[in-house]
Structure formats: structure tokens, C-alpha cells
Amino acid sequence: MGHRLAVFGSWREFTRECCEGMCFLITGALKSQVDRVWDAFWSGGISNPFSVVEQITYLLFARRLDELHTAKEA
């Protein structure tokens, strides 16, 4: 059975469509940070929300790996 990924035009569209009925809300500074990251990926040509999450996960992994390496050198 095929799997279809929808492409959304904004983070708000993604959360409205995929997270409808879920009881969580991000506001304030965190929401602004998420919007800036989303805009950066969108401007770079990555418009699929699942690809954005995948890329963010990889970047967080790389950052943590660098932090551990730096701490080990000290």
C-alpha cells in the first residue's frame, strides 16, 4: 500500500493538518524559534515537514556529538 506525504506551505499548515485534536501548544520564544527554523529550511528548498524534522534531528545529533567530543578533549 502506498504512502503519500503531503507538502505544506508553512509550519502552521502542517500543525493544523497533522496535529489536529492533539492537546499541546507552543507559544512565545519557542514558537518564534520554530518558525525561524522552518523558514530557513523552506527558503533552502526543503518544504516537506517530515524532511525538516529529519534534518533537525540530524543537526541535533551532530551538535551533541561535537559537544561530547569537545568535553572529552578538555
PDB file of N, CA and C in Angstrom:
ATOM      1  N   MET A   1       0.844  -1.184   0.000  1.00  0.00           N
ATOM      2  CA  MET A   1       0.000   0.000   0.000  1.00  0.00           C
ATOM      3  C   MET A   1       0.883   1.239   0.000  1.00  0.00           C
ATOM      4  N   GLY A   2       0.582   2.193  -0.841  1.00  0.00           N
ATOM      5  CA  GLY A   2       1.412   3.384  -0.984  1.00  0.00           C
ATOM      6  C   GLY A   2       1.302   4.324   0.201  1.00  0.00           C
ATOM      7  N   HIS A   3       2.334   5.093   0.381  1.00  0.00           N
ATOM      8  CA  HIS A   3       2.385   6.077   1.455  1.00  0.00           C
ATOM      9  C   HIS A   3       2.564   7.448   0.814  1.00  0.00           C
ATOM     10  N   ARG A   4       1.671   8.341   1.075  1.00  0.00           N
ATOM     11  CA  ARG A   4       1.728   9.668   0.461  1.00  0.00           C
ATOM     12  C   ARG A   4       2.068  10.708   1.513  1.00  0.00           C
ATOM     13  N   LEU A   5       3.103  11.510   1.240  1.00  0.00           N
ATOM     14  CA  LEU A   5       3.476  12.607   2.122  1.00  0.00           C
ATOM     15  C   LEU A   5       2.938  13.904   1.542  1.00  0.00           C
ATOM     16  N   ALA A   6       2.246  14.639   2.355  1.00  0.00           N
ATOM     17  CA  ALA A   6       1.716  15.926   1.904  1.00  0.00           C
ATOM     18  C   ALA A   6       2.785  17.000   2.057  1.00  0.00           C
ATOM     19  N   VAL A   7       2.766  17.975   1.197  1.00  0.00           N
ATOM     20  CA  VAL A   7       3.682  19.107   1.285  1.00  0.00           C
ATOM     21  C   VAL A   7       2.855  20.315   1.710  1.00  0.00           C
ATOM     22  N   PHE A   8       3.316  20.963   2.751  1.00  0.00           N
ATOM     23  CA  PHE A   8       2.591  22.091   3.314  1.00  0.00           C
ATOM     24  C   PHE A   8       3.376  23.371   3.081  1.00  0.00           C
ATOM     25  N   GLY A   9       2.679  24.492   3.053  1.00  0.00           N
ATOM     26  CA  GLY A   9       3.313  25.770   2.788  1.00  0.00           C
ATOM     27  C   GLY A   9       3.866  26.466   4.008  1.00  0.00           C
ATOM     28  N   SER A  10       3.504  25.984   5.179  1.00  0.00           N
ATOM     29  CA  SER A  10       4.006  26.628   6.387  1.00  0.00           C
ATOM     30  C   SER A  10       3.915  25.666   7.558  1.00  0.00           C
ATOM     31  N   TRP A  11       4.615  26.009   8.598  1.00  0.00           N
ATOM     32  CA  TRP A  11       4.575  25.216   9.814  1.00  0.00           C
ATOM     33  C   TRP A  11       3.156  25.184  10.359  1.00  0.00           C
ATOM     34  N   ARG A  12       2.454  26.306  10.266  1.00  0.00           N
ATOM     35  CA  ARG A  12       1.084  26.368  10.776  1.00  0.00           C
ATOM     36  C   ARG A  12       0.174  25.399  10.029  1.00  0.00           C
ATOM     37  N   GLU A  13       0.308  25.324   8.709  1.00  0.00           N
ATOM     38  CA  GLU A  13      -0.490  24.376   7.929  1.00  0.00           C
ATOM     39  C   GLU A  13      -0.190  22.946   8.352  1.00  0.00           C
ATOM     40  N   PHE A  14       1.086  22.645   8.547  1.00  0.00           N
ATOM     41  CA  PHE A  14       1.477  21.301   8.963  1.00  0.00           C
ATOM     42  C   PHE A  14       0.848  20.938  10.300  1.00  0.00           C
ATOM     43  N   THR A  15       1.012  21.818  11.292  1.00  0.00           N
ATOM     44  CA  THR A  15       0.485  21.505  12.620  1.00  0.00           C
ATOM     45  C   THR A  15      -1.036  21.444  12.612  1.00  0.00           C
ATOM     46  N   ARG A  16      -1.659  22.307  11.837  1.00  0.00           N
ATOM     47  CA  ARG A  16      -3.128  22.298  11.767  1.00  0.00           C
ATOM     48  C   ARG A  16      -3.621  20.979  11.158  1.00  0.00           C
ATOM     49  N   GLU A  17      -2.963  20.517  10.094  1.00  0.00           N
ATOM     50  CA  GLU A  17      -3.388  19.317   9.379  1.00  0.00           C
ATOM     51  C   GLU A  17      -2.993  18.031  10.112  1.00  0.00           C
ATOM     52  N   CYS A  18      -1.760  17.961  10.591  1.00  0.00           N
ATOM     53  CA  CYS A  18      -1.239  16.707  11.157  1.00  0.00           C
ATOM     54  C   CYS A  18      -1.484  16.558  12.655  1.00  0.00           C
ATOM     55  N   CYS A  19      -1.696  17.652  13.337  1.00  0.00           N
ATOM     56  CA  CYS A  19      -1.778  17.579  14.794  1.00  0.00           C
ATOM     57  C   CYS A  19      -3.155  17.963  15.316  1.00  0.00           C
ATOM     58  N   GLU A  20      -4.133  17.958  14.452  1.00  0.00           N
ATOM     59  CA  GLU A  20      -5.485  18.333  14.843  1.00  0.00           C
ATOM     60  C   GLU A  20      -5.982  17.420  15.959  1.00  0.00           C
ATOM     61  N   GLY A  21      -6.499  18.022  17.006  1.00  0.00           N
ATOM     62  CA  GLY A  21      -7.030  17.260  18.120  1.00  0.00           C
ATOM     63  C   GLY A  21      -6.019  16.934  19.202  1.00  0.00           C
ATOM     64  N   MET A  22      -4.744  17.174  18.944  1.00  0.00           N
ATOM     65  CA  MET A  22      -3.738  16.920  19.970  1.00  0.00           C
ATOM     66  C   MET A  22      -3.729  18.079  20.957  1.00  0.00           C
ATOM     67  N   CYS A  23      -3.450  17.765  22.182  1.00  0.00           N
ATOM     68  CA  CYS A  23      -3.516  18.770  23.238  1.00  0.00           C
ATOM     69  C   CYS A  23      -2.121  19.291  23.590  1.00  0.00           C
ATOM     70  N   PHE A  24      -1.537  20.060  22.713  1.00  0.00           N
ATOM     71  CA  PHE A  24      -0.288  20.727  23.040  1.00  0.00           C
ATOM     72  C   PHE A  24      -0.254  22.043  22.276  1.00  0.00           C
ATOM     73  N   LEU A  25       0.507  22.959  22.806  1.00  0.00           N
ATOM     74  CA  LEU A  25       0.580  24.280  22.208  1.00  0.00           C
ATOM     75  C   LEU A  25       1.954  24.858  22.486  1.00  0.00           C
ATOM     76  N   ILE A  26       2.595  25.387  21.453  1.00  0.00           N
ATOM     77  CA  ILE A  26       3.851  26.087  21.684  1.00  0.00           C
ATOM     78  C   ILE A  26       3.596  27.563  21.439  1.00  0.00           C
ATOM     79  N   THR A  27       4.137  28.370  22.301  1.00  0.00           N
ATOM     80  CA  THR A  27       3.922  29.809  22.202  1.00  0.00           C
ATOM     81  C   THR A  27       5.226  30.536  22.515  1.00  0.00           C
ATOM     82  N   GLY A  28       5.178  31.828  22.348  1.00  0.00           N
ATOM     83  CA  GLY A  28       6.282  32.683  22.754  1.00  0.00           C
ATOM     84  C   GLY A  28       7.577  32.435  22.022  1.00  0.00           C
ATOM     85  N   ALA A  29       8.664  32.408  22.790  1.00  0.00           N
ATOM     86  CA  ALA A  29      10.009  32.310  22.232  1.00  0.00           C
ATOM     87  C   ALA A  29      10.206  31.004  21.470  1.00  0.00           C
ATOM     88  N   LEU A  30       9.707  29.889  22.005  1.00  0.00           N
ATOM     89  CA  LEU A  30       9.871  28.605  21.328  1.00  0.00           C
ATOM     90  C   LEU A  30       9.184  28.616  19.969  1.00  0.00           C
ATOM     91  N   LYS A  31       7.989  29.166  19.901  1.00  0.00           N
ATOM     92  CA  LYS A  31       7.266  29.242  18.630  1.00  0.00           C
ATOM     93  C   LYS A  31       8.028  30.100  17.628  1.00  0.00           C
ATOM     94  N   SER A  32       8.584  31.190  18.087  1.00  0.00           N
ATOM     95  CA  SER A  32       9.369  32.056  17.203  1.00  0.00           C
ATOM     96  C   SER A  32      10.596  31.329  16.670  1.00  0.00           C
ATOM     97  N   GLN A  33      11.258  30.560  17.529  1.00  0.00           N
ATOM     98  CA  GLN A  33      12.426  29.791  17.092  1.00  0.00           C
ATOM     99  C   GLN A  33      12.040  28.735  16.073  1.00  0.00           C
ATOM    100  N   VAL A  34      10.946  28.038  16.319  1.00  0.00           N
ATOM    101  CA  VAL A  34      10.477  27.016  15.378  1.00  0.00           C
ATOM    102  C   VAL A  34      10.127  27.656  14.039  1.00  0.00           C
ATOM    103  N   ASP A  35       9.449  28.800  14.067  1.00  0.00           N
ATOM    104  CA  ASP A  35       9.093  29.493  12.831  1.00  0.00           C
ATOM    105  C   ASP A  35      10.336  29.925  12.051  1.00  0.00           C
ATOM    106  N   ARG A  36      11.366  30.414  12.745  1.00  0.00           N
ATOM    107  CA  ARG A  36      12.603  30.821  12.065  1.00  0.00           C
ATOM    108  C   ARG A  36      13.306  29.634  11.423  1.00  0.00           C
ATOM    109  N   VAL A  37      13.357  28.507  12.150  1.00  0.00           N
ATOM    110  CA  VAL A  37      13.979  27.307  11.596  1.00  0.00           C
ATOM    111  C   VAL A  37      13.187  26.823  10.389  1.00  0.00           C
ATOM    112  N   TRP A  38      11.866  26.788  10.515  1.00  0.00           N
ATOM    113  CA  TRP A  38      11.022  26.363   9.392  1.00  0.00           C
ATOM    114  C   TRP A  38      11.278  27.250   8.173  1.00  0.00           C
ATOM    115  N   ASP A  39      11.303  28.565   8.372  1.00  0.00           N
ATOM    116  CA  ASP A  39      11.536  29.498   7.266  1.00  0.00           C
ATOM    117  C   ASP A  39      12.896  29.268   6.611  1.00  0.00           C
ATOM    118  N   ALA A  40      13.916  28.959   7.425  1.00  0.00           N
ATOM    119  CA  ALA A  40      15.250  28.700   6.874  1.00  0.00           C
ATOM    120  C   ALA A  40      15.239  27.459   5.986  1.00  0.00           C
ATOM    121  N   PHE A  41      14.597  26.392   6.432  1.00  0.00           N
ATOM    122  CA  PHE A  41      14.513  25.181   5.614  1.00  0.00           C
ATOM    123  C   PHE A  41      13.683  25.441   4.360  1.00  0.00           C
ATOM    124  N   TRP A  42      12.575  26.143   4.520  1.00  0.00           N
ATOM    125  CA  TRP A  42      11.693  26.450   3.381  1.00  0.00           C
ATOM    126  C   TRP A  42      12.453  27.249   2.332  1.00  0.00           C
ATOM    127  N   SER A  43      13.197  28.253   2.764  1.00  0.00           N
ATOM    128  CA  SER A  43      13.983  29.082   1.845  1.00  0.00           C
ATOM    129  C   SER A  43      15.065  28.263   1.150  1.00  0.00           C
ATOM    130  N   GLY A  44      15.571  27.236   1.837  1.00  0.00           N
ATOM    131  CA  GLY A  44      16.593  26.367   1.266  1.00  0.00           C
ATOM    132  C   GLY A  44      16.041  25.279   0.367  1.00  0.00           C
ATOM    133  N   GLY A  45      14.720  25.242   0.199  1.00  0.00           N
ATOM    134  CA  GLY A  45      14.112  24.289  -0.716  1.00  0.00           C
ATOM    135  C   GLY A  45      13.569  23.027  -0.074  1.00  0.00           C
ATOM    136  N   ILE A  46      13.605  22.936   1.247  1.00  0.00           N
ATOM    137  CA  ILE A  46      13.035  21.764   1.922  1.00  0.00           C
ATOM    138  C   ILE A  46      11.654  22.167   2.443  1.00  0.00           C
ATOM    139  N   SER A  47      10.614  21.681   1.775  1.00  0.00           N
ATOM    140  CA  SER A  47       9.265  22.095   2.137  1.00  0.00           C
ATOM    141  C   SER A  47       8.439  20.980   2.772  1.00  0.00           C
ATOM    142  N   ASN A  48       8.951  19.769   2.775  1.00  0.00           N
ATOM    143  CA  ASN A  48       8.223  18.665   3.378  1.00  0.00           C
ATOM    144  C   ASN A  48       8.501  18.652   4.885  1.00  0.00           C
ATOM    145  N   PRO A  49       7.473  18.763   5.725  1.00  0.00           N
ATOM    146  CA  PRO A  49       7.681  18.822   7.175  1.00  0.00           C
ATOM    147  C   PRO A  49       8.439  17.617   7.736  1.00  0.00           C
ATOM    148  N   PHE A  50       8.227  16.459   7.166  1.00  0.00           N
ATOM    149  CA  PHE A  50       8.922  15.276   7.651  1.00  0.00           C
ATOM    150  C   PHE A  50      10.418  15.354   7.336  1.00  0.00           C
ATOM    151  N   SER A  51      10.757  15.926   6.201  1.00  0.00           N
ATOM    152  CA  SER A  51      12.173  16.139   5.859  1.00  0.00           C
ATOM    153  C   SER A  51      12.802  17.161   6.800  1.00  0.00           C
ATOM    154  N   VAL A  52      12.036  18.189   7.158  1.00  0.00           N
ATOM    155  CA  VAL A  52      12.537  19.200   8.094  1.00  0.00           C
ATOM    156  C   VAL A  52      12.840  18.550   9.441  1.00  0.00           C
ATOM    157  N   VAL A  53      11.921  17.738   9.939  1.00  0.00           N
ATOM    158  CA  VAL A  53      12.138  17.056  11.224  1.00  0.00           C
ATOM    159  C   VAL A  53      13.356  16.137  11.133  1.00  0.00           C
ATOM    160  N   GLU A  54      13.497  15.435  10.019  1.00  0.00           N
ATOM    161  CA  GLU A  54      14.648  14.564   9.820  1.00  0.00           C
ATOM    162  C   GLU A  54      15.954  15.362   9.861  1.00  0.00           C
ATOM    163  N   GLN A  55      15.981  16.489   9.179  1.00  0.00           N
ATOM    164  CA  GLN A  55      17.184  17.317   9.147  1.00  0.00           C
ATOM    165  C   GLN A  55      17.503  17.908  10.514  1.00  0.00           C
ATOM    166  N   ILE A  56      16.478  18.364  11.224  1.00  0.00           N
ATOM    167  CA  ILE A  56      16.688  18.920  12.568  1.00  0.00           C
ATOM    168  C   ILE A  56      17.242  17.842  13.492  1.00  0.00           C
ATOM    169  N   THR A  57      16.700  16.632  13.400  1.00  0.00           N
ATOM    170  CA  THR A  57      17.181  15.524  14.221  1.00  0.00           C
ATOM    171  C   THR A  57      18.654  15.253  13.946  1.00  0.00           C
ATOM    172  N   TYR A  58      19.036  15.251  12.682  1.00  0.00           N
ATOM    173  CA  TYR A  58      20.438  15.030  12.326  1.00  0.00           C
ATOM    174  C   TYR A  58      21.323  16.150  12.884  1.00  0.00           C
ATOM    175  N   LEU A  59      20.878  17.395  12.750  1.00  0.00           N
ATOM    176  CA  LEU A  59      21.665  18.520  13.252  1.00  0.00           C
ATOM    177  C   LEU A  59      21.828  18.456  14.772  1.00  0.00           C
ATOM    178  N   LEU A  60      20.774  18.082  15.484  1.00  0.00           N
ATOM    179  CA  LEU A  60      20.874  17.935  16.937  1.00  0.00           C
ATOM    180  C   LEU A  60      21.846  16.818  17.313  1.00  0.00           C
ATOM    181  N   PHE A  61      21.809  15.718  16.568  1.00  0.00           N
ATOM    182  CA  PHE A  61      22.733  14.615  16.808  1.00  0.00           C
ATOM    183  C   PHE A  61      24.174  15.077  16.593  1.00  0.00           C
ATOM    184  N   ALA A  62      24.421  15.779  15.495  1.00  0.00           N
ATOM    185  CA  ALA A  62      25.774  16.256  15.186  1.00  0.00           C
ATOM    186  C   ALA A  62      26.256  17.245  16.246  1.00  0.00           C
ATOM    187  N   ARG A  63      25.361  18.115  16.700  1.00  0.00           N
ATOM    188  CA  ARG A  63      25.727  19.085  17.731  1.00  0.00           C
ATOM    189  C   ARG A  63      26.113  18.365  19.023  1.00  0.00           C
ATOM    190  N   ARG A  64      25.310  17.388  19.417  1.00  0.00           N
ATOM    191  CA  ARG A  64      25.602  16.651  20.657  1.00  0.00           C
ATOM    192  C   ARG A  64      26.912  15.874  20.547  1.00  0.00           C
ATOM    193  N   LEU A  65      27.144  15.287  19.394  1.00  0.00           N
ATOM    194  CA  LEU A  65      28.386  14.569  19.160  1.00  0.00           C
ATOM    195  C   LEU A  65      29.584  15.509  19.295  1.00  0.00           C
ATOM    196  N   ASP A  66      29.462  16.716  18.747  1.00  0.00           N
ATOM    197  CA  ASP A  66      30.527  17.711  18.852  1.00  0.00           C
ATOM    198  C   ASP A  66      30.737  18.134  20.304  1.00  0.00           C
ATOM    199  N   GLU A  67      29.640  18.326  21.052  1.00  0.00           N
ATOM    200  CA  GLU A  67      29.755  18.696  22.463  1.00  0.00           C
ATOM    201  C   GLU A  67      30.483  17.621  23.258  1.00  0.00           C
ATOM    202  N   LEU A  68      30.149  16.354  23.010  1.00  0.00           N
ATOM    203  CA  LEU A  68      30.801  15.252  23.716  1.00  0.00           C
ATOM    204  C   LEU A  68      32.285  15.167  23.352  1.00  0.00           C
ATOM    205  N   HIS A  69      32.597  15.390  22.096  1.00  0.00           N
ATOM    206  CA  HIS A  69      33.984  15.348  21.646  1.00  0.00           C
ATOM    207  C   HIS A  69      34.789  16.484  22.279  1.00  0.00           C
ATOM    208  N   THR A  70      34.212  17.677  22.329  1.00  0.00           N
ATOM    209  CA  THR A  70      34.870  18.830  22.925  1.00  0.00           C
ATOM    210  C   THR A  70      35.105  18.605  24.421  1.00  0.00           C
ATOM    211  N   ALA A  71      34.114  18.055  25.108  1.00  0.00           N
ATOM    212  CA  ALA A  71      34.254  17.800  26.543  1.00  0.00           C
ATOM    213  C   ALA A  71      35.331  16.742  26.805  1.00  0.00           C
ATOM    214  N   LYS A  72      35.435  15.771  25.924  1.00  0.00           N
ATOM    215  CA  LYS A  72      36.424  14.715  26.091  1.00  0.00           C
ATOM    216  C   LYS A  72      37.850  15.246  25.895  1.00  0.00           C
ATOM    217  N   GLU A  73      38.005  16.246  25.011  1.00  0.00           N
ATOM    218  CA  GLU A  73      39.316  16.843  24.767  1.00  0.00           C
ATOM    219  C   GLU A  73      39.780  17.704  25.935  1.00  0.00           C
ATOM    220  N   ALA A  74      38.839  18.275  26.660  1.00  0.00           N
ATOM    221  CA  ALA A  74      39.178  19.204  27.756  1.00  0.00           C
ATOM    222  C   ALA A  74      39.726  18.515  28.975  1.00  0.00           C
TER     223      ALA A  74
END
